[in-house]
Each structure stands twice: as structure tokens, then as C-alpha cells.
PDB file of N, CA and C in Angstrom:
ATOM      1  N   MET A   1      14.960  -4.702  14.293  1.00  0.00           N
ATOM      2  CA  MET A   1      14.714  -3.433  13.632  1.00  0.00           C
ATOM      3  C   MET A   1      13.308  -2.950  14.010  1.00  0.00           C
ATOM      4  N   ASP A   2      13.192  -1.696  14.294  1.00  0.00           N
ATOM      5  CA  ASP A   2      11.927  -1.105  14.717  1.00  0.00           C
ATOM      6  C   ASP A   2      11.250  -0.421  13.524  1.00  0.00           C
ATOM      7  N   PHE A   3      10.060  -0.896  13.175  1.00  0.00           N
ATOM      8  CA  PHE A   3       9.328  -0.353  12.034  1.00  0.00           C
ATOM      9  C   PHE A   3       8.211   0.609  12.452  1.00  0.00           C
ATOM     10  N   ALA A   4       8.187   1.024  13.699  1.00  0.00           N
ATOM     11  CA  ALA A   4       7.085   1.845  14.202  1.00  0.00           C
ATOM     12  C   ALA A   4       6.912   3.137  13.401  1.00  0.00           C
ATOM     13  N   ALA A   5       7.999   3.833  13.099  1.00  0.00           N
ATOM     14  CA  ALA A   5       7.892   5.102  12.357  1.00  0.00           C
ATOM     15  C   ALA A   5       7.377   4.855  10.939  1.00  0.00           C
ATOM     16  N   ALA A   6       7.886   3.820  10.291  1.00  0.00           N
ATOM     17  CA  ALA A   6       7.413   3.484   8.935  1.00  0.00           C
ATOM     18  C   ALA A   6       5.954   3.057   8.979  1.00  0.00           C
ATOM     19  N   ASN A   7       5.574   2.281   9.995  1.00  0.00           N
ATOM     20  CA  ASN A   7       4.179   1.870  10.136  1.00  0.00           C
ATOM     21  C   ASN A   7       3.261   3.081  10.285  1.00  0.00           C
ATOM     22  N   LEU A   8       3.687   4.047  11.093  1.00  0.00           N
ATOM     23  CA  LEU A   8       2.858   5.229  11.303  1.00  0.00           C
ATOM     24  C   LEU A   8       2.695   6.019  10.012  1.00  0.00           C
ATOM     25  N   ARG A   9       3.784   6.227   9.281  1.00  0.00           N
ATOM     26  CA  ARG A   9       3.681   6.944   7.998  1.00  0.00           C
ATOM     27  C   ARG A   9       2.738   6.199   7.051  1.00  0.00           C
ATOM     28  N   TYR A  10       2.868   4.886   7.002  1.00  0.00           N
ATOM     29  CA  TYR A  10       2.005   4.076   6.136  1.00  0.00           C
ATOM     30  C   TYR A  10       0.539   4.219   6.550  1.00  0.00           C
ATOM     31  N   LEU A  11       0.266   4.094   7.839  1.00  0.00           N
ATOM     32  CA  LEU A  11      -1.120   4.177   8.313  1.00  0.00           C
ATOM     33  C   LEU A  11      -1.714   5.561   8.095  1.00  0.00           C
ATOM     34  N   LEU A  12      -0.933   6.607   8.308  1.00  0.00           N
ATOM     35  CA  LEU A  12      -1.432   7.960   8.059  1.00  0.00           C
ATOM     36  C   LEU A  12      -1.763   8.150   6.581  1.00  0.00           C
ATOM     37  N   ALA A  13      -0.887   7.680   5.697  1.00  0.00           N
ATOM     38  CA  ALA A  13      -1.142   7.792   4.258  1.00  0.00           C
ATOM     39  C   ALA A  13      -2.348   6.953   3.858  1.00  0.00           C
ATOM     40  N   LEU A  14      -2.460   5.759   4.417  1.00  0.00           N
ATOM     41  CA  LEU A  14      -3.599   4.894   4.107  1.00  0.00           C
ATOM     42  C   LEU A  14      -4.904   5.537   4.570  1.00  0.00           C
ATOM     43  N   ARG A  15      -4.892   6.106   5.762  1.00  0.00           N
ATOM     44  CA  ARG A  15      -6.101   6.755   6.267  1.00  0.00           C
ATOM     45  C   ARG A  15      -6.508   7.917   5.373  1.00  0.00           C
ATOM     46  N   GLU A  16      -5.547   8.749   4.965  1.00  0.00           N
ATOM     47  CA  GLU A  16      -5.862   9.874   4.077  1.00  0.00           C
ATOM     48  C   GLU A  16      -6.430   9.389   2.751  1.00  0.00           C
ATOM     49  N   LEU A  17      -5.828   8.351   2.189  1.00  0.00           N
ATOM     50  CA  LEU A  17      -6.325   7.818   0.930  1.00  0.00           C
ATOM     51  C   LEU A  17      -7.704   7.196   1.119  1.00  0.00           C
ATOM     52  N   ALA A  18      -7.917   6.526   2.231  1.00  0.00           N
ATOM     53  CA  ALA A  18      -9.233   5.938   2.512  1.00  0.00           C
ATOM     54  C   ALA A  18     -10.300   7.019   2.633  1.00  0.00           C
ATOM     55  N   ARG A  19      -9.912   8.176   3.107  1.00  0.00           N
ATOM     56  CA  ARG A  19     -10.860   9.297   3.213  1.00  0.00           C
ATOM     57  C   ARG A  19     -11.155   9.914   1.853  1.00  0.00           C
ATOM     58  N   SER A  20     -10.121  10.012   1.008  1.00  0.00           N
ATOM     59  CA  SER A  20     -10.314  10.692  -0.278  1.00  0.00           C
ATOM     60  C   SER A  20     -10.760   9.751  -1.395  1.00  0.00           C
ATOM     61  N   ASP A  21     -10.298   8.507  -1.362  1.00  0.00           N
ATOM     62  CA  ASP A  21     -10.654   7.548  -2.415  1.00  0.00           C
ATOM     63  C   ASP A  21     -10.626   6.137  -1.835  1.00  0.00           C
ATOM     64  N   PRO A  22     -11.693   5.749  -1.151  1.00  0.00           N
ATOM     65  CA  PRO A  22     -11.720   4.460  -0.463  1.00  0.00           C
ATOM     66  C   PRO A  22     -11.437   3.263  -1.369  1.00  0.00           C
ATOM     67  N   HIS A  23     -11.936   3.306  -2.590  1.00  0.00           N
ATOM     68  CA  HIS A  23     -11.735   2.168  -3.489  1.00  0.00           C
ATOM     69  C   HIS A  23     -10.252   1.972  -3.802  1.00  0.00           C
ATOM     70  N   VAL A  24      -9.564   3.042  -4.141  1.00  0.00           N
ATOM     71  CA  VAL A  24      -8.129   2.947  -4.447  1.00  0.00           C
ATOM     72  C   VAL A  24      -7.353   2.531  -3.198  1.00  0.00           C
ATOM     73  N   ALA A  25      -7.727   3.064  -2.049  1.00  0.00           N
ATOM     74  CA  ALA A  25      -7.058   2.667  -0.805  1.00  0.00           C
ATOM     75  C   ALA A  25      -7.179   1.164  -0.593  1.00  0.00           C
ATOM     76  N   GLY A  26      -8.351   0.648  -0.827  1.00  0.00           N
ATOM     77  CA  GLY A  26      -8.554  -0.786  -0.688  1.00  0.00           C
ATOM     78  C   GLY A  26      -7.708  -1.586  -1.655  1.00  0.00           C
ATOM     79  N   LEU A  27      -7.647  -1.122  -2.903  1.00  0.00           N
ATOM     80  CA  LEU A  27      -6.849  -1.839  -3.904  1.00  0.00           C
ATOM     81  C   LEU A  27      -5.373  -1.841  -3.541  1.00  0.00           C
ATOM     82  N   LEU A  28      -4.845  -0.691  -3.184  1.00  0.00           N
ATOM     83  CA  LEU A  28      -3.421  -0.585  -2.899  1.00  0.00           C
ATOM     84  C   LEU A  28      -3.011  -1.322  -1.633  1.00  0.00           C
ATOM     85  N   ALA A  29      -3.851  -1.278  -0.628  1.00  0.00           N
ATOM     86  CA  ALA A  29      -3.490  -1.871   0.656  1.00  0.00           C
ATOM     87  C   ALA A  29      -4.002  -3.300   0.822  1.00  0.00           C
ATOM     88  N   GLY A  30      -4.858  -3.734  -0.095  1.00  0.00           N
ATOM     89  CA  GLY A  30      -5.433  -5.064   0.059  1.00  0.00           C
ATOM     90  C   GLY A  30      -6.477  -5.110   1.167  1.00  0.00           C
ATOM     91  N   VAL A  31      -7.075  -3.958   1.437  1.00  0.00           N
ATOM     92  CA  VAL A  31      -8.105  -3.854   2.470  1.00  0.00           C
ATOM     93  C   VAL A  31      -9.462  -4.062   1.808  1.00  0.00           C
ATOM     94  N   PRO A  32     -10.291  -4.959   2.336  1.00  0.00           N
ATOM     95  CA  PRO A  32     -11.623  -5.139   1.756  1.00  0.00           C
ATOM     96  C   PRO A  32     -12.404  -3.831   1.759  1.00  0.00           C
ATOM     97  N   ASP A  33     -13.205  -3.635   0.714  1.00  0.00           N
ATOM     98  CA  ASP A  33     -13.969  -2.393   0.577  1.00  0.00           C
ATOM     99  C   ASP A  33     -14.776  -2.063   1.829  1.00  0.00           C
ATOM    100  N   GLU A  34     -15.317  -3.083   2.475  1.00  0.00           N
ATOM    101  CA  GLU A  34     -16.152  -2.815   3.648  1.00  0.00           C
ATOM    102  C   GLU A  34     -15.344  -2.322   4.850  1.00  0.00           C
ATOM    103  N   LEU A  35     -14.008  -2.398   4.794  1.00  0.00           N
ATOM    104  CA  LEU A  35     -13.186  -1.920   5.902  1.00  0.00           C
ATOM    105  C   LEU A  35     -12.535  -0.569   5.652  1.00  0.00           C
ATOM    106  N   THR A  36     -12.572  -0.081   4.424  1.00  0.00           N
ATOM    107  CA  THR A  36     -11.889   1.196   4.154  1.00  0.00           C
ATOM    108  C   THR A  36     -12.534   2.351   4.907  1.00  0.00           C
ATOM    109  N   ASP A  37     -13.843   2.319   5.092  1.00  0.00           N
ATOM    110  CA  ASP A  37     -14.491   3.372   5.882  1.00  0.00           C
ATOM    111  C   ASP A  37     -13.994   3.345   7.325  1.00  0.00           C
ATOM    112  N   ALA A  38     -13.814   2.145   7.860  1.00  0.00           N
ATOM    113  CA  ALA A  38     -13.309   2.021   9.230  1.00  0.00           C
ATOM    114  C   ALA A  38     -11.882   2.551   9.332  1.00  0.00           C
ATOM    115  N   VAL A  39     -11.061   2.287   8.322  1.00  0.00           N
ATOM    116  CA  VAL A  39      -9.696   2.819   8.308  1.00  0.00           C
ATOM    117  C   VAL A  39      -9.741   4.340   8.286  1.00  0.00           C
ATOM    118  N   ALA A  40     -10.621   4.901   7.471  1.00  0.00           N
ATOM    119  CA  ALA A  40     -10.732   6.362   7.353  1.00  0.00           C
ATOM    120  C   ALA A  40     -11.140   7.004   8.677  1.00  0.00           C
ATOM    121  N   GLU A  41     -11.849   6.279   9.518  1.00  0.00           N
ATOM    122  CA  GLU A  41     -12.352   6.827  10.775  1.00  0.00           C
ATOM    123  C   GLU A  41     -11.393   6.647  11.954  1.00  0.00           C
ATOM    124  N   LEU A  42     -10.297   5.918  11.766  1.00  0.00           N
ATOM    125  CA  LEU A  42      -9.367   5.719  12.876  1.00  0.00           C
ATOM    126  C   LEU A  42      -8.758   7.047  13.311  1.00  0.00           C
ATOM    127  N   ASP A  43      -8.721   7.272  14.617  1.00  0.00           N
ATOM    128  CA  ASP A  43      -8.124   8.511  15.112  1.00  0.00           C
ATOM    129  C   ASP A  43      -6.623   8.319  15.324  1.00  0.00           C
ATOM    130  N   ASP A  44      -5.942   9.413  15.589  1.00  0.00           N
ATOM    131  CA  ASP A  44      -4.482   9.373  15.731  1.00  0.00           C
ATOM    132  C   ASP A  44      -4.038   8.421  16.839  1.00  0.00           C
ATOM    133  N   GLU A  45      -4.767   8.405  17.944  1.00  0.00           N
ATOM    134  CA  GLU A  45      -4.404   7.545  19.069  1.00  0.00           C
ATOM    135  C   GLU A  45      -4.408   6.070  18.656  1.00  0.00           C
ATOM    136  N   ARG A  46      -5.429   5.659  17.916  1.00  0.00           N
ATOM    137  CA  ARG A  46      -5.511   4.254  17.470  1.00  0.00           C
ATOM    138  C   ARG A  46      -4.404   3.951  16.467  1.00  0.00           C
ATOM    139  N   LEU A  47      -4.124   4.904  15.562  1.00  0.00           N
ATOM    140  CA  LEU A  47      -3.046   4.683  14.597  1.00  0.00           C
ATOM    141  C   LEU A  47      -1.702   4.545  15.308  1.00  0.00           C
ATOM    142  N   LEU A  48      -1.461   5.396  16.290  1.00  0.00           N
ATOM    143  CA  LEU A  48      -0.210   5.309  17.051  1.00  0.00           C
ATOM    144  C   LEU A  48      -0.098   3.975  17.775  1.00  0.00           C
ATOM    145  N   HIS A  49      -1.198   3.500  18.309  1.00  0.00           N
ATOM    146  CA  HIS A  49      -1.192   2.219  19.013  1.00  0.00           C
ATOM    147  C   HIS A  49      -0.809   1.086  18.063  1.00  0.00           C
ATOM    148  N   VAL A  50      -1.437   1.039  16.908  1.00  0.00           N
ATOM    149  CA  VAL A  50      -1.142  -0.017  15.936  1.00  0.00           C
ATOM    150  C   VAL A  50       0.286   0.139  15.409  1.00  0.00           C
ATOM    151  N   ALA A  51       0.675   1.361  15.088  1.00  0.00           N
ATOM    152  CA  ALA A  51       2.001   1.615  14.520  1.00  0.00           C
ATOM    153  C   ALA A  51       3.113   1.290  15.509  1.00  0.00           C
ATOM    154  N   GLY A  52       2.801   1.321  16.792  1.00  0.00           N
ATOM    155  CA  GLY A  52       3.802   1.086  17.818  1.00  0.00           C
ATOM    156  C   GLY A  52       4.358  -0.314  17.849  1.00  0.00           C
ATOM    157  N   HIS A  53       3.724  -1.238  17.185  1.00  0.00           N
ATOM    158  CA  HIS A  53       4.263  -2.587  17.114  1.00  0.00           C
ATOM    159  C   HIS A  53       5.474  -2.564  16.188  1.00  0.00           C
ATOM    160  N   HIS A  54       6.457  -3.337  16.513  1.00  0.00           N
ATOM    161  CA  HIS A  54       7.752  -3.189  15.864  1.00  0.00           C
ATOM    162  C   HIS A  54       7.942  -4.021  14.606  1.00  0.00           C
ATOM    163  N   SER A  55       6.969  -4.816  14.239  1.00  0.00           N
ATOM    164  CA  SER A  55       7.092  -5.565  12.986  1.00  0.00           C
ATOM    165  C   SER A  55       6.400  -4.778  11.878  1.00  0.00           C
ATOM    166  N   PRO A  56       6.861  -4.946  10.638  1.00  0.00           N
ATOM    167  CA  PRO A  56       6.309  -4.141   9.534  1.00  0.00           C
ATOM    168  C   PRO A  56       4.873  -4.518   9.198  1.00  0.00           C
ATOM    169  N   LEU A  57       4.071  -3.499   8.904  1.00  0.00           N
ATOM    170  CA  LEU A  57       2.697  -3.736   8.456  1.00  0.00           C
ATOM    171  C   LEU A  57       2.638  -4.080   6.974  1.00  0.00           C
ATOM    172  N   VAL A  58       3.627  -3.619   6.237  1.00  0.00           N
ATOM    173  CA  VAL A  58       3.665  -3.837   4.791  1.00  0.00           C
ATOM    174  C   VAL A  58       4.678  -4.939   4.504  1.00  0.00           C
ATOM    175  N   GLN A  59       4.257  -5.912   3.735  1.00  0.00           N
ATOM    176  CA  GLN A  59       5.163  -6.987   3.350  1.00  0.00           C
ATOM    177  C   GLN A  59       5.810  -6.661   2.018  1.00  0.00           C
ATOM    178  N   PRO A  60       7.125  -6.843   1.912  1.00  0.00           N
ATOM    179  CA  PRO A  60       7.798  -6.544   0.649  1.00  0.00           C
ATOM    180  C   PRO A  60       7.434  -7.559  -0.431  1.00  0.00           C
ATOM    181  N   ARG A  61       7.519  -7.093  -1.659  1.00  0.00           N
ATOM    182  CA  ARG A  61       7.314  -7.985  -2.805  1.00  0.00           C
ATOM    183  C   ARG A  61       8.531  -8.881  -2.927  1.00  0.00           C
ATOM    184  N   ASN A  62       8.302 -10.158  -3.127  1.00  0.00           N
ATOM    185  CA  ASN A  62       9.400 -11.095  -3.310  1.00  0.00           C
ATOM    186  C   ASN A  62       9.474 -11.559  -4.749  1.00  0.00           C
ATOM    187  N   ASP A  63       9.076 -10.710  -5.658  1.00  0.00           N
ATOM    188  CA  ASP A  63       9.064 -11.027  -7.078  1.00  0.00           C
ATOM    189  C   ASP A  63      10.254 -10.332  -7.734  1.00  0.00           C
ATOM    190  N   ALA A  64      11.364 -11.071  -7.887  1.00  0.00           N
ATOM    191  CA  ALA A  64      12.603 -10.487  -8.394  1.00  0.00           C
ATOM    192  C   ALA A  64      12.431  -9.908  -9.795  1.00  0.00           C
ATOM    193  N   ALA A  65      11.661 -10.574 -10.650  1.00  0.00           N
ATOM    194  CA  ALA A  65      11.471 -10.083 -12.020  1.00  0.00           C
ATOM    195  C   ALA A  65      10.732  -8.748 -12.015  1.00  0.00           C
ATOM    196  N   TRP A  66       9.729  -8.611 -11.165  1.00  0.00           N
ATOM    197  CA  TRP A  66       8.986  -7.354 -11.060  1.00  0.00           C
ATOM    198  C   TRP A  66       9.919  -6.236 -10.609  1.00  0.00           C
ATOM    199  N   TRP A  67      10.710  -6.515  -9.566  1.00  0.00           N
ATOM    200  CA  TRP A  67      11.645  -5.511  -9.072  1.00  0.00           C
ATOM    201  C   TRP A  67      12.676  -5.138 -10.128  1.00  0.00           C
ATOM    202  N   GLN A  68      13.168  -6.121 -10.876  1.00  0.00           N
ATOM    203  CA  GLN A  68      14.156  -5.841 -11.913  1.00  0.00           C
ATOM    204  C   GLN A  68      13.572  -4.900 -12.962  1.00  0.00           C
ATOM    205  N   ARG A  69      12.346  -5.184 -13.399  1.00  0.00           N
ATOM    206  CA  ARG A  69      11.698  -4.318 -14.381  1.00  0.00           C
ATOM    207  C   ARG A  69      11.505  -2.913 -13.828  1.00  0.00           C
ATOM    208  N   LEU A  70      11.071  -2.815 -12.568  1.00  0.00           N
ATOM    209  CA  LEU A  70      10.828  -1.515 -11.960  1.00  0.00           C
ATOM    210  C   LEU A  70      12.127  -0.710 -11.843  1.00  0.00           C
ATOM    211  N   VAL A  71      13.178  -1.329 -11.364  1.00  0.00           N
ATOM    212  CA  VAL A  71      14.448  -0.625 -11.183  1.00  0.00           C
ATOM    213  C   VAL A  71      15.019  -0.207 -12.535  1.00  0.00           C
ATOM    214  N   GLU A  72      14.956  -1.100 -13.520  1.00  0.00           N
ATOM    215  CA  GLU A  72      15.451  -0.743 -14.853  1.00  0.00           C
ATOM    216  C   GLU A  72      14.648   0.414 -15.446  1.00  0.00           C
ATOM    217  N   ALA A  73      13.348   0.378 -15.276  1.00  0.00           N
ATOM    218  CA  ALA A  73      12.505   1.465 -15.788  1.00  0.00           C
ATOM    219  C   ALA A  73      12.845   2.774 -15.077  1.00  0.00           C
ATOM    220  N   ALA A  74      13.094   2.707 -13.781  1.00  0.00           N
ATOM    221  CA  ALA A  74      13.454   3.911 -13.028  1.00  0.00           C
ATOM    222  C   ALA A  74      14.798   4.458 -13.503  1.00  0.00           C
ATOM    223  N   ARG A  75      15.763   3.577 -13.693  1.00  0.00           N
ATOM    224  CA  ARG A  75      17.086   4.007 -14.181  1.00  0.00           C
ATOM    225  C   ARG A  75      16.989   4.678 -15.541  1.00  0.00           C
ATOM    226  N   GLU A  76      16.136   4.123 -16.402  1.00  0.00           N
ATOM    227  CA  GLU A  76      15.996   4.622 -17.768  1.00  0.00           C
ATOM    228  C   GLU A  76      15.040   5.809 -17.864  1.00  0.00           C
ATOM    229  N   GLY A  77      14.358   6.117 -16.778  1.00  0.00           N
ATOM    230  CA  GLY A  77      13.368   7.185 -16.815  1.00  0.00           C
ATOM    231  C   GLY A  77      12.155   6.813 -17.650  1.00  0.00           C
ATOM    232  N   ASN A  78      11.844   5.523 -17.697  1.00  0.00           N
ATOM    233  CA  ASN A  78      10.745   5.009 -18.512  1.00  0.00           C
ATOM    234  C   ASN A  78       9.444   5.050 -17.703  1.00  0.00           C
ATOM    235  N   ASP A  79       8.831   6.222 -17.678  1.00  0.00           N
ATOM    236  CA  ASP A  79       7.614   6.412 -16.890  1.00  0.00           C
ATOM    237  C   ASP A  79       6.472   5.513 -17.359  1.00  0.00           C
ATOM    238  N   GLU A  80       6.410   5.243 -18.644  1.00  0.00           N
ATOM    239  CA  GLU A  80       5.345   4.384 -19.177  1.00  0.00           C
ATOM    240  C   GLU A  80       5.461   2.971 -18.605  1.00  0.00           C
ATOM    241  N   GLU A  81       6.671   2.439 -18.535  1.00  0.00           N
ATOM    242  CA  GLU A  81       6.884   1.099 -17.971  1.00  0.00           C
ATOM    243  C   GLU A  81       6.568   1.086 -16.480  1.00  0.00           C
ATOM    244  N   ILE A  82       6.988   2.132 -15.770  1.00  0.00           N
ATOM    245  CA  ILE A  82       6.694   2.215 -14.335  1.00  0.00           C
ATOM    246  C   ILE A  82       5.186   2.225 -14.120  1.00  0.00           C
ATOM    247  N   GLU A  83       4.488   3.053 -14.888  1.00  0.00           N
ATOM    248  CA  GLU A  83       3.028   3.127 -14.774  1.00  0.00           C
ATOM    249  C   GLU A  83       2.397   1.768 -15.059  1.00  0.00           C
ATOM    250  N   CYS A  84       2.888   1.098 -16.087  1.00  0.00           N
ATOM    251  CA  CYS A  84       2.372  -0.223 -16.451  1.00  0.00           C
ATOM    252  C   CYS A  84       2.573  -1.222 -15.307  1.00  0.00           C
ATOM    253  N   LEU A  85       3.754  -1.230 -14.728  1.00  0.00           N
ATOM    254  CA  LEU A  85       4.040  -2.159 -13.630  1.00  0.00           C
ATOM    255  C   LEU A  85       3.155  -1.875 -12.418  1.00  0.00           C
ATOM    256  N   LEU A  86       3.010  -0.599 -12.086  1.00  0.00           N
ATOM    257  CA  LEU A  86       2.204  -0.250 -10.917  1.00  0.00           C
ATOM    258  C   LEU A  86       0.725  -0.482 -11.173  1.00  0.00           C
ATOM    259  N   GLU A  87       0.259  -0.203 -12.381  1.00  0.00           N
ATOM    260  CA  GLU A  87      -1.139  -0.464 -12.729  1.00  0.00           C
ATOM    261  C   GLU A  87      -1.411  -1.960 -12.691  1.00  0.00           C
ATOM    262  N   ASN A  88      -0.482  -2.748 -13.213  1.00  0.00           N
ATOM    263  CA  ASN A  88      -0.630  -4.196 -13.179  1.00  0.00           C
ATOM    264  C   ASN A  88      -0.683  -4.693 -11.741  1.00  0.00           C
ATOM    265  N   ASN A  89       0.121  -4.095 -10.879  1.00  0.00           N
ATOM    266  CA  ASN A  89       0.107  -4.472  -9.472  1.00  0.00           C
ATOM    267  C   ASN A  89      -1.261  -4.212  -8.860  1.00  0.00           C
ATOM    268  N   MET A  90      -1.885  -3.074  -9.186  1.00  0.00           N
ATOM    269  CA  MET A  90      -3.228  -2.781  -8.674  1.00  0.00           C
ATOM    270  C   MET A  90      -4.236  -3.785  -9.207  1.00  0.00           C
ATOM    271  N   ASN A  91      -4.118  -4.162 -10.485  1.00  0.00           N
ATOM    272  CA  ASN A  91      -5.043  -5.125 -11.073  1.00  0.00           C
ATOM    273  C   ASN A  91      -4.891  -6.492 -10.436  1.00  0.00           C
ATOM    274  N   VAL A  92      -3.650  -6.904 -10.159  1.00  0.00           N
ATOM    275  CA  VAL A  92      -3.418  -8.178  -9.512  1.00  0.00           C
ATOM    276  C   VAL A  92      -3.993  -8.163  -8.117  1.00  0.00           C
ATOM    277  N   THR A  93      -3.765  -7.062  -7.381  1.00  0.00           N
ATOM    278  CA  THR A  93      -4.316  -6.935  -6.047  1.00  0.00           C
ATOM    279  C   THR A  93      -5.835  -6.975  -6.080  1.00  0.00           C
ATOM    280  N   ASN A  94      -6.430  -6.263  -7.033  1.00  0.00           N
ATOM    281  CA  ASN A  94      -7.879  -6.244  -7.164  1.00  0.00           C
ATOM    282  C   ASN A  94      -8.397  -7.638  -7.485  1.00  0.00           C
ATOM    283  N   GLY A  95      -7.742  -8.336  -8.373  1.00  0.00           N
ATOM    284  CA  GLY A  95      -8.164  -9.691  -8.723  1.00  0.00           C
ATOM    285  C   GLY A  95      -8.096 -10.627  -7.544  1.00  0.00           C
ATOM    286  N   ALA A  96      -7.074 -10.482  -6.716  1.00  0.00           N
ATOM    287  CA  ALA A  96      -6.948 -11.320  -5.521  1.00  0.00           C
ATOM    288  C   ALA A  96      -8.066 -11.026  -4.552  1.00  0.00           C
ATOM    289  N   LYS A  97      -8.473  -9.759  -4.439  1.00  0.00           N
ATOM    290  CA  LYS A  97      -9.568  -9.392  -3.533  1.00  0.00           C
ATOM    291  C   LYS A  97     -10.895  -9.945  -4.006  1.00  0.00           C
ATOM    292  N   GLU A  98     -11.112  -9.885  -5.319  1.00  0.00           N
ATOM    293  CA  GLU A  98     -12.418 -10.295  -5.847  1.00  0.00           C
ATOM    294  C   GLU A  98     -12.504 -11.792  -6.076  1.00  0.00           C
ATOM    295  N   GLY A  99     -11.375 -12.422  -6.368  1.00  0.00           N
ATOM    296  CA  GLY A  99     -11.365 -13.810  -6.768  1.00  0.00           C
ATOM    297  C   GLY A  99     -11.347 -14.732  -5.636  1.00  0.00           C
TER     298      GLY A  99
END
């Protein structure tokens, strides 16, 4: 399976977020704070080069309980639960970066 198109969309979104809010970009992507400026400065040619590799840049979550809660909250339209799950994910990511 070729993930190049998904990689490019991810990298473009990450670069935009790194430009507008480097701290949040770092938290969401697991990028150290000292590298978010470098991500923000990548030009299209470099992004295309990296995205051209066919393996995914983003690793899926393998936490079945987390996914179950997220899907159930989405089905129920429970925005508060979705927000809680996503906020917790950012906190866990942040803790892993700092710890």
C-alpha cells in the first residue's frame, strides 16, 4: 500500500500547525520543541521528498479501549467525551516528551 499521498497531507498540515502554533504541533506529532521551527521551515520540495516514501509516517494507535471509547462517543454525538479523549491523548504525548 502506498502512503505517499497521506504522508504529504500529514506533513503539509504539520508544517502549517508548526508555523501557527509550534507547541501544539510538537505535542500532537511528538516532535521535540526544538524541531518544530525546522518543520515549519521545510519547503514543498523537501516535504514531497519525505512524503514520497511509501511507508506511513503516522503510526496508528493500538489501544482498543481508547478506540472503543472514541467510536462510541462519535456514534452518540458525545462531543465532551471526544474532547476528553483527545485532550488526554495530548497530555499523554506531552508527558512522554517531557518524561
